[in-house]
């Protein structure tokens, strides 16, 4: 049975909808994602029976059936995160993040062991960043973008976790079109991507009101890192796919 796969932008739109930051309902976003999924499968020549058997996790079924409380269990977060393309969520890793690696940034669960959408977004951000950074580097980035002040709460953040996730998810979708049209000073692949990401993130932060120049620079660099990390995650996933195929074919000999 297939599972419905979300792009990061689609997942961000879903979280924003649950958080009442979007005029669209969670149901409409899931329906649109489903339609896009079906169209992609049709383009690849996959039969209609595969569409019918596409499964939704229970947390998404709850979103469809009723207004969902904007709080999620760890199981819900892992279930949602596993629906995002090119991710490899592990329940054990997520529990370690809560208990040890990122407990100061994630904070405590609410009553009933539920986590807010801001906390859920942090899990998704960590999953992306760990493709390119070790945990110590991620914590340093979080100290700048999502600073913590002990048990009394947080200092003003550059962006809240959900909006930060939504920002780089949106920018990631824009990169493909920009890459085709971009004319930079250098033509090698890495430099071209780096220049293009710098231009795109610079334009994004320039449009945000109320930021000092130092804050804009920090946010632009954080988004730059996030976008590179997402691309790294995609390449890691592709490498694993080819390796798994190679190992499988070798066992048939």
C-alpha atoms as a PDB file:
ATOM      1  CA  UNK A   1       0.000   0.000   0.000  1.00  0.00           C
ATOM      2  CA  UNK A   2       1.334   3.417  -0.986  1.00  0.00           C
ATOM      3  CA  UNK A   3       1.437   6.424   1.328  1.00  0.00           C
ATOM      4  CA  UNK A   4       0.644   9.986   0.367  1.00  0.00           C
ATOM      5  CA  UNK A   5       3.856  11.991   0.088  1.00  0.00           C
ATOM      6  CA  UNK A   6       3.998  15.711   0.854  1.00  0.00           C
ATOM      7  CA  UNK A   7       6.536  18.247  -0.305  1.00  0.00           C
ATOM      8  CA  UNK A   8       7.892  20.463   2.450  1.00  0.00           C
ATOM      9  CA  UNK A   9       5.834  23.343   1.117  1.00  0.00           C
ATOM     10  CA  UNK A  10       2.649  21.257   1.272  1.00  0.00           C
ATOM     11  CA  UNK A  11       3.429  20.150   4.826  1.00  0.00           C
ATOM     12  CA  UNK A  12       4.158  23.739   5.864  1.00  0.00           C
ATOM     13  CA  UNK A  13       0.838  24.852   4.364  1.00  0.00           C
ATOM     14  CA  UNK A  14      -0.919  22.088   6.319  1.00  0.00           C
ATOM     15  CA  UNK A  15       0.669  23.154   9.618  1.00  0.00           C
ATOM     16  CA  UNK A  16      -0.134  26.816   8.944  1.00  0.00           C
ATOM     17  CA  UNK A  17      -3.742  25.850   8.279  1.00  0.00           C
ATOM     18  CA  UNK A  18      -4.028  23.905  11.544  1.00  0.00           C
ATOM     19  CA  UNK A  19      -2.486  26.918  13.303  1.00  0.00           C
ATOM     20  CA  UNK A  20      -5.161  29.222  11.808  1.00  0.00           C
ATOM     21  CA  UNK A  21      -2.535  31.104   9.764  1.00  0.00           C
ATOM     22  CA  UNK A  22      -4.148  30.199   6.455  1.00  0.00           C
ATOM     23  CA  UNK A  23      -7.539  30.770   4.883  1.00  0.00           C
ATOM     24  CA  UNK A  24      -7.433  27.215   3.526  1.00  0.00           C
ATOM     25  CA  UNK A  25      -8.691  24.284   5.579  1.00  0.00           C
ATOM     26  CA  UNK A  26      -6.510  21.238   6.339  1.00  0.00           C
ATOM     27  CA  UNK A  27      -8.948  19.160   4.280  1.00  0.00           C
ATOM     28  CA  UNK A  28      -8.530  21.335   1.173  1.00  0.00           C
ATOM     29  CA  UNK A  29      -4.734  21.163   1.443  1.00  0.00           C
ATOM     30  CA  UNK A  30      -4.750  17.370   1.799  1.00  0.00           C
ATOM     31  CA  UNK A  31      -7.157  17.099  -1.154  1.00  0.00           C
ATOM     32  CA  UNK A  32      -4.933  19.299  -3.326  1.00  0.00           C
ATOM     33  CA  UNK A  33      -1.874  17.273  -2.340  1.00  0.00           C
ATOM     34  CA  UNK A  34      -3.757  14.086  -3.194  1.00  0.00           C
ATOM     35  CA  UNK A  35      -4.707  15.461  -6.633  1.00  0.00           C
ATOM     36  CA  UNK A  36      -1.104  16.467  -7.318  1.00  0.00           C
ATOM     37  CA  UNK A  37       0.067  13.031  -6.177  1.00  0.00           C
ATOM     38  CA  UNK A  38      -2.399  11.301  -8.509  1.00  0.00           C
ATOM     39  CA  UNK A  39      -1.344  13.465 -11.456  1.00  0.00           C
ATOM     40  CA  UNK A  40       2.340  12.675 -10.870  1.00  0.00           C
ATOM     41  CA  UNK A  41       1.527   8.958 -10.677  1.00  0.00           C
ATOM     42  CA  UNK A  42      -0.504   9.156 -13.897  1.00  0.00           C
ATOM     43  CA  UNK A  43       2.371  10.887 -15.649  1.00  0.00           C
ATOM     44  CA  UNK A  44       4.590   7.981 -14.581  1.00  0.00           C
ATOM     45  CA  UNK A  45       2.114   5.410 -15.929  1.00  0.00           C
ATOM     46  CA  UNK A  46       1.063   3.972 -12.559  1.00  0.00           C
ATOM     47  CA  UNK A  47      -2.341   2.258 -12.556  1.00  0.00           C
ATOM     48  CA  UNK A  48      -5.486   3.648 -10.925  1.00  0.00           C
ATOM     49  CA  UNK A  49      -5.489   0.798  -8.394  1.00  0.00           C
ATOM     50  CA  UNK A  50      -2.341   2.311  -6.887  1.00  0.00           C
ATOM     51  CA  UNK A  51      -4.176   5.617  -6.364  1.00  0.00           C
ATOM     52  CA  UNK A  52      -7.076   3.914  -4.594  1.00  0.00           C
ATOM     53  CA  UNK A  53      -4.743   2.045  -2.251  1.00  0.00           C
ATOM     54  CA  UNK A  54      -2.847   5.188  -1.236  1.00  0.00           C
ATOM     55  CA  UNK A  55      -3.105   5.390   2.552  1.00  0.00           C
ATOM     56  CA  UNK A  56      -3.353   8.280   4.975  1.00  0.00           C
ATOM     57  CA  UNK A  57      -1.960   8.021   8.503  1.00  0.00           C
ATOM     58  CA  UNK A  58      -4.548   8.264  11.323  1.00  0.00           C
ATOM     59  CA  UNK A  59      -3.451  11.787  12.248  1.00  0.00           C
ATOM     60  CA  UNK A  60      -4.420  13.017   8.762  1.00  0.00           C
ATOM     61  CA  UNK A  61      -7.710  11.161   8.897  1.00  0.00           C
ATOM     62  CA  UNK A  62      -8.465  13.100  12.074  1.00  0.00           C
ATOM     63  CA  UNK A  63      -7.653  16.326  10.250  1.00  0.00           C
ATOM     64  CA  UNK A  64     -10.177  15.453   7.557  1.00  0.00           C
ATOM     65  CA  UNK A  65     -12.985  14.388   9.900  1.00  0.00           C
ATOM     66  CA  UNK A  66     -12.926  17.308  12.319  1.00  0.00           C
ATOM     67  CA  UNK A  67     -11.209  20.489  13.396  1.00  0.00           C
ATOM     68  CA  UNK A  68      -7.926  19.350  14.851  1.00  0.00           C
ATOM     69  CA  UNK A  69      -6.474  20.637  18.080  1.00  0.00           C
ATOM     70  CA  UNK A  70      -3.187  22.368  17.140  1.00  0.00           C
ATOM     71  CA  UNK A  71      -1.154  19.991  19.309  1.00  0.00           C
ATOM     72  CA  UNK A  72       0.456  16.679  18.381  1.00  0.00           C
ATOM     73  CA  UNK A  73       1.832  13.639  20.163  1.00  0.00           C
ATOM     74  CA  UNK A  74       5.333  12.417  19.341  1.00  0.00           C
ATOM     75  CA  UNK A  75       3.700   9.561  17.431  1.00  0.00           C
ATOM     76  CA  UNK A  76       1.712  12.116  15.383  1.00  0.00           C
ATOM     77  CA  UNK A  77       4.860  14.123  14.650  1.00  0.00           C
ATOM     78  CA  UNK A  78       6.800  11.060  13.477  1.00  0.00           C
ATOM     79  CA  UNK A  79       3.804   9.966  11.399  1.00  0.00           C
ATOM     80  CA  UNK A  80       3.486  13.379   9.725  1.00  0.00           C
ATOM     81  CA  UNK A  81       7.237  13.744   9.262  1.00  0.00           C
ATOM     82  CA  UNK A  82       7.429  10.368   7.561  1.00  0.00           C
ATOM     83  CA  UNK A  83       5.007  11.650   4.903  1.00  0.00           C
ATOM     84  CA  UNK A  84       7.461  14.379   3.821  1.00  0.00           C
ATOM     85  CA  UNK A  85       9.518  13.518   0.749  1.00  0.00           C
ATOM     86  CA  UNK A  86      13.206  12.667   1.253  1.00  0.00           C
ATOM     87  CA  UNK A  87      12.955  12.327   5.043  1.00  0.00           C
ATOM     88  CA  UNK A  88      13.831   9.375   7.261  1.00  0.00           C
ATOM     89  CA  UNK A  89      12.151  10.005  10.613  1.00  0.00           C
ATOM     90  CA  UNK A  90      12.962   7.670  13.473  1.00  0.00           C
ATOM     91  CA  UNK A  91      10.849   7.493  16.632  1.00  0.00           C
ATOM     92  CA  UNK A  92      13.993   6.730  18.635  1.00  0.00           C
ATOM     93  CA  UNK A  93      15.812   9.787  17.267  1.00  0.00           C
ATOM     94  CA  UNK A  94      12.851  12.044  17.999  1.00  0.00           C
ATOM     95  CA  UNK A  95      12.679  10.796  21.591  1.00  0.00           C
ATOM     96  CA  UNK A  96      16.403  11.475  21.995  1.00  0.00           C
ATOM     97  CA  UNK A  97      15.939  15.008  20.665  1.00  0.00           C
ATOM     98  CA  UNK A  98      13.265  15.646  23.298  1.00  0.00           C
ATOM     99  CA  UNK A  99      15.132  14.072  26.207  1.00  0.00           C
ATOM    100  CA  UNK A 100      18.700  15.101  25.429  1.00  0.00           C
ATOM    101  CA  UNK A 101      19.954  16.618  22.190  1.00  0.00           C
ATOM    102  CA  UNK A 102      17.529  19.553  21.754  1.00  0.00           C
ATOM    103  CA  UNK A 103      15.476  19.542  24.952  1.00  0.00           C
ATOM    104  CA  UNK A 104      16.279  23.200  25.757  1.00  0.00           C
ATOM    105  CA  UNK A 105      14.922  24.334  22.382  1.00  0.00           C
ATOM    106  CA  UNK A 106      11.961  21.967  22.102  1.00  0.00           C
ATOM    107  CA  UNK A 107      10.826  22.440  25.683  1.00  0.00           C
ATOM    108  CA  UNK A 108       8.316  20.396  27.635  1.00  0.00           C
ATOM    109  CA  UNK A 109       5.225  18.732  26.242  1.00  0.00           C
ATOM    110  CA  UNK A 110       1.880  20.228  27.120  1.00  0.00           C
ATOM    111  CA  UNK A 111      -0.814  18.446  29.114  1.00  0.00           C
ATOM    112  CA  UNK A 112      -1.497  15.006  27.687  1.00  0.00           C
ATOM    113  CA  UNK A 113       2.043  14.770  26.274  1.00  0.00           C
ATOM    114  CA  UNK A 114       1.118  16.945  23.304  1.00  0.00           C
ATOM    115  CA  UNK A 115       3.475  19.271  21.452  1.00  0.00           C
ATOM    116  CA  UNK A 116       2.575  22.570  19.817  1.00  0.00           C
ATOM    117  CA  UNK A 117       2.896  23.161  16.083  1.00  0.00           C
ATOM    118  CA  UNK A 118       5.933  25.362  16.777  1.00  0.00           C
ATOM    119  CA  UNK A 119       7.573  22.434  18.560  1.00  0.00           C
ATOM    120  CA  UNK A 120       6.558  20.061  15.765  1.00  0.00           C
ATOM    121  CA  UNK A 121       8.168  22.425  13.253  1.00  0.00           C
ATOM    122  CA  UNK A 122      11.424  22.235  15.208  1.00  0.00           C
ATOM    123  CA  UNK A 123      11.419  18.455  14.759  1.00  0.00           C
ATOM    124  CA  UNK A 124      11.012  18.880  10.992  1.00  0.00           C
ATOM    125  CA  UNK A 125      13.784  21.504  10.891  1.00  0.00           C
ATOM    126  CA  UNK A 126      16.167  19.271  12.863  1.00  0.00           C
ATOM    127  CA  UNK A 127      15.465  16.370  10.504  1.00  0.00           C
ATOM    128  CA  UNK A 128      16.411  18.554   7.529  1.00  0.00           C
ATOM    129  CA  UNK A 129      19.470  20.191   9.074  1.00  0.00           C
ATOM    130  CA  UNK A 130      21.014  16.940  10.288  1.00  0.00           C
ATOM    131  CA  UNK A 131      21.581  15.935   6.664  1.00  0.00           C
ATOM    132  CA  UNK A 132      24.363  18.522   6.507  1.00  0.00           C
ATOM    133  CA  UNK A 133      25.185  19.485  10.116  1.00  0.00           C
ATOM    134  CA  UNK A 134      26.056  17.682  13.333  1.00  0.00           C
ATOM    135  CA  UNK A 135      23.930  18.285  16.422  1.00  0.00           C
ATOM    136  CA  UNK A 136      26.355  20.787  17.948  1.00  0.00           C
ATOM    137  CA  UNK A 137      26.234  22.908  14.782  1.00  0.00           C
ATOM    138  CA  UNK A 138      22.428  22.740  14.728  1.00  0.00           C
ATOM    139  CA  UNK A 139      22.296  23.902  18.354  1.00  0.00           C
ATOM    140  CA  UNK A 140      24.535  26.869  17.500  1.00  0.00           C
ATOM    141  CA  UNK A 141      22.212  27.811  14.642  1.00  0.00           C
ATOM    142  CA  UNK A 142      19.193  27.499  16.944  1.00  0.00           C
ATOM    143  CA  UNK A 143      20.869  29.719  19.560  1.00  0.00           C
ATOM    144  CA  UNK A 144      20.854  32.516  16.985  1.00  0.00           C
ATOM    145  CA  UNK A 145      17.523  31.918  15.263  1.00  0.00           C
ATOM    146  CA  UNK A 146      15.488  30.507  18.202  1.00  0.00           C
ATOM    147  CA  UNK A 147      17.289  31.755  21.348  1.00  0.00           C
ATOM    148  CA  UNK A 148      16.213  30.270  24.676  1.00  0.00           C
ATOM    149  CA  UNK A 149      16.167  32.021  28.074  1.00  0.00           C
ATOM    150  CA  UNK A 150      16.077  29.165  30.546  1.00  0.00           C
ATOM    151  CA  UNK A 151      12.732  28.329  32.123  1.00  0.00           C
ATOM    152  CA  UNK A 152      11.225  31.775  31.626  1.00  0.00           C
ATOM    153  CA  UNK A 153      10.598  31.443  27.897  1.00  0.00           C
ATOM    154  CA  UNK A 154      12.357  32.795  24.831  1.00  0.00           C
ATOM    155  CA  UNK A 155      13.948  35.976  23.655  1.00  0.00           C
ATOM    156  CA  UNK A 156      12.334  37.426  20.536  1.00  0.00           C
ATOM    157  CA  UNK A 157      13.083  35.026  17.697  1.00  0.00           C
ATOM    158  CA  UNK A 158      14.140  35.999  14.195  1.00  0.00           C
ATOM    159  CA  UNK A 159      11.213  33.878  12.989  1.00  0.00           C
ATOM    160  CA  UNK A 160       9.111  31.379  14.901  1.00  0.00           C
ATOM    161  CA  UNK A 161       9.945  27.751  13.972  1.00  0.00           C
ATOM    162  CA  UNK A 162       6.797  27.233  11.892  1.00  0.00           C
ATOM    163  CA  UNK A 163       7.351  30.386   9.846  1.00  0.00           C
ATOM    164  CA  UNK A 164      11.049  29.550   9.402  1.00  0.00           C
ATOM    165  CA  UNK A 165      10.131  26.075   8.133  1.00  0.00           C
ATOM    166  CA  UNK A 166       7.482  27.537   5.818  1.00  0.00           C
ATOM    167  CA  UNK A 167       9.979  30.104   4.507  1.00  0.00           C
ATOM    168  CA  UNK A 168      12.659  27.669   3.404  1.00  0.00           C
ATOM    169  CA  UNK A 169      10.040  25.193   2.164  1.00  0.00           C
ATOM    170  CA  UNK A 170       8.689  27.923  -0.131  1.00  0.00           C
ATOM    171  CA  UNK A 171      12.173  28.986  -1.253  1.00  0.00           C
ATOM    172  CA  UNK A 172      13.123  25.371  -2.009  1.00  0.00           C
ATOM    173  CA  UNK A 173      10.201  25.134  -4.449  1.00  0.00           C
ATOM    174  CA  UNK A 174      11.307  28.344  -6.171  1.00  0.00           C
ATOM    175  CA  UNK A 175      14.884  27.222  -6.725  1.00  0.00           C
ATOM    176  CA  UNK A 176      14.233  25.047  -9.781  1.00  0.00           C
ATOM    177  CA  UNK A 177      12.855  27.869 -11.904  1.00  0.00           C
ATOM    178  CA  UNK A 178      15.560  30.231 -10.720  1.00  0.00           C
ATOM    179  CA  UNK A 179      18.278  27.725 -11.591  1.00  0.00           C
ATOM    180  CA  UNK A 180      17.211  27.531 -15.235  1.00  0.00           C
ATOM    181  CA  UNK A 181      17.182  31.300 -15.661  1.00  0.00           C
ATOM    182  CA  UNK A 182      20.021  32.290 -13.339  1.00  0.00           C
ATOM    183  CA  UNK A 183      23.122  33.874 -14.836  1.00  0.00           C
ATOM    184  CA  UNK A 184      25.845  34.185 -12.232  1.00  0.00           C
ATOM    185  CA  UNK A 185      29.513  35.009 -12.389  1.00  0.00           C
ATOM    186  CA  UNK A 186      30.542  31.325 -12.403  1.00  0.00           C
ATOM    187  CA  UNK A 187      29.043  28.370 -14.229  1.00  0.00           C
ATOM    188  CA  UNK A 188      30.208  25.394 -12.137  1.00  0.00           C
ATOM    189  CA  UNK A 189      27.319  23.616 -10.414  1.00  0.00           C
ATOM    190  CA  UNK A 190      28.196  24.287  -6.761  1.00  0.00           C
ATOM    191  CA  UNK A 191      29.019  27.963  -7.224  1.00  0.00           C
ATOM    192  CA  UNK A 192      25.904  28.513  -9.303  1.00  0.00           C
ATOM    193  CA  UNK A 193      23.680  26.951  -6.629  1.00  0.00           C
ATOM    194  CA  UNK A 194      25.423  28.930  -3.892  1.00  0.00           C
ATOM    195  CA  UNK A 195      25.012  32.241  -5.715  1.00  0.00           C
ATOM    196  CA  UNK A 196      21.402  31.498  -6.567  1.00  0.00           C
ATOM    197  CA  UNK A 197      20.478  30.510  -3.000  1.00  0.00           C
ATOM    198  CA  UNK A 198      22.201  33.633  -1.706  1.00  0.00           C
ATOM    199  CA  UNK A 199      20.222  35.805  -4.114  1.00  0.00           C
ATOM    200  CA  UNK A 200      16.906  34.131  -3.289  1.00  0.00           C
ATOM    201  CA  UNK A 201      17.347  34.252   0.497  1.00  0.00           C
ATOM    202  CA  UNK A 202      18.599  37.831   0.287  1.00  0.00           C
ATOM    203  CA  UNK A 203      15.468  38.898  -1.565  1.00  0.00           C
ATOM    204  CA  UNK A 204      13.298  37.105   1.005  1.00  0.00           C
ATOM    205  CA  UNK A 205      14.800  38.723   4.106  1.00  0.00           C
ATOM    206  CA  UNK A 206      14.883  42.125   2.402  1.00  0.00           C
ATOM    207  CA  UNK A 207      11.082  41.964   2.248  1.00  0.00           C
ATOM    208  CA  UNK A 208      10.681  41.356   5.990  1.00  0.00           C
ATOM    209  CA  UNK A 209       9.886  44.500   8.011  1.00  0.00           C
ATOM    210  CA  UNK A 210      11.304  45.362  11.419  1.00  0.00           C
ATOM    211  CA  UNK A 211      14.690  43.636  11.231  1.00  0.00           C
ATOM    212  CA  UNK A 212      18.068  45.182  11.953  1.00  0.00           C
ATOM    213  CA  UNK A 213      20.819  44.531   9.393  1.00  0.00           C
ATOM    214  CA  UNK A 214      22.555  42.066  11.731  1.00  0.00           C
ATOM    215  CA  UNK A 215      19.298  40.131  12.172  1.00  0.00           C
ATOM    216  CA  UNK A 216      18.699  40.034   8.418  1.00  0.00           C
ATOM    217  CA  UNK A 217      22.196  38.661   7.843  1.00  0.00           C
ATOM    218  CA  UNK A 218      21.701  35.977  10.495  1.00  0.00           C
ATOM    219  CA  UNK A 219      18.320  34.941   9.115  1.00  0.00           C
ATOM    220  CA  UNK A 220      19.597  34.883   5.528  1.00  0.00           C
ATOM    221  CA  UNK A 221      22.504  32.651   6.535  1.00  0.00           C
ATOM    222  CA  UNK A 222      20.185  30.326   8.478  1.00  0.00           C
ATOM    223  CA  UNK A 223      17.861  29.972   5.482  1.00  0.00           C
ATOM    224  CA  UNK A 224      20.888  29.410   3.239  1.00  0.00           C
ATOM    225  CA  UNK A 225      22.017  26.551   5.494  1.00  0.00           C
ATOM    226  CA  UNK A 226      18.499  25.074   5.603  1.00  0.00           C
ATOM    227  CA  UNK A 227      18.173  25.037   1.814  1.00  0.00           C
ATOM    228  CA  UNK A 228      21.549  23.370   1.351  1.00  0.00           C
ATOM    229  CA  UNK A 229      20.539  20.807   3.992  1.00  0.00           C
ATOM    230  CA  UNK A 230      17.308  19.958   2.172  1.00  0.00           C
ATOM    231  CA  UNK A 231      19.228  19.388  -1.044  1.00  0.00           C
ATOM    232  CA  UNK A 232      21.688  17.208   0.867  1.00  0.00           C
ATOM    233  CA  UNK A 233      18.757  15.196   2.221  1.00  0.00           C
ATOM    234  CA  UNK A 234      17.460  14.674  -1.318  1.00  0.00           C
ATOM    235  CA  UNK A 235      20.836  13.410  -2.537  1.00  0.00           C
ATOM    236  CA  UNK A 236      21.205  11.138   0.510  1.00  0.00           C
ATOM    237  CA  UNK A 237      17.791   9.643  -0.223  1.00  0.00           C
ATOM    238  CA  UNK A 238      18.676   9.129  -3.885  1.00  0.00           C
ATOM    239  CA  UNK A 239      21.969   7.452  -2.970  1.00  0.00           C
ATOM    240  CA  UNK A 240      20.170   5.110  -0.552  1.00  0.00           C
ATOM    241  CA  UNK A 241      17.625   4.228  -3.241  1.00  0.00           C
ATOM    242  CA  UNK A 242      20.334   3.224  -5.715  1.00  0.00           C
ATOM    243  CA  UNK A 243      22.277   1.330  -3.060  1.00  0.00           C
ATOM    244  CA  UNK A 244      19.177  -0.594  -1.956  1.00  0.00           C
ATOM    245  CA  UNK A 245      18.439  -1.455  -5.576  1.00  0.00           C
ATOM    246  CA  UNK A 246      22.013  -2.591  -6.133  1.00  0.00           C
ATOM    247  CA  UNK A 247      21.993  -4.778  -3.005  1.00  0.00           C
ATOM    248  CA  UNK A 248      18.610  -6.252  -3.912  1.00  0.00           C
ATOM    249  CA  UNK A 249      19.678  -7.112  -7.456  1.00  0.00           C
ATOM    250  CA  UNK A 250      22.905  -8.636  -6.165  1.00  0.00           C
ATOM    251  CA  UNK A 251      20.990 -10.979  -3.835  1.00  0.00           C
ATOM    252  CA  UNK A 252      19.068 -12.346  -6.839  1.00  0.00           C
ATOM    253  CA  UNK A 253      22.212 -13.685  -8.475  1.00  0.00           C
END
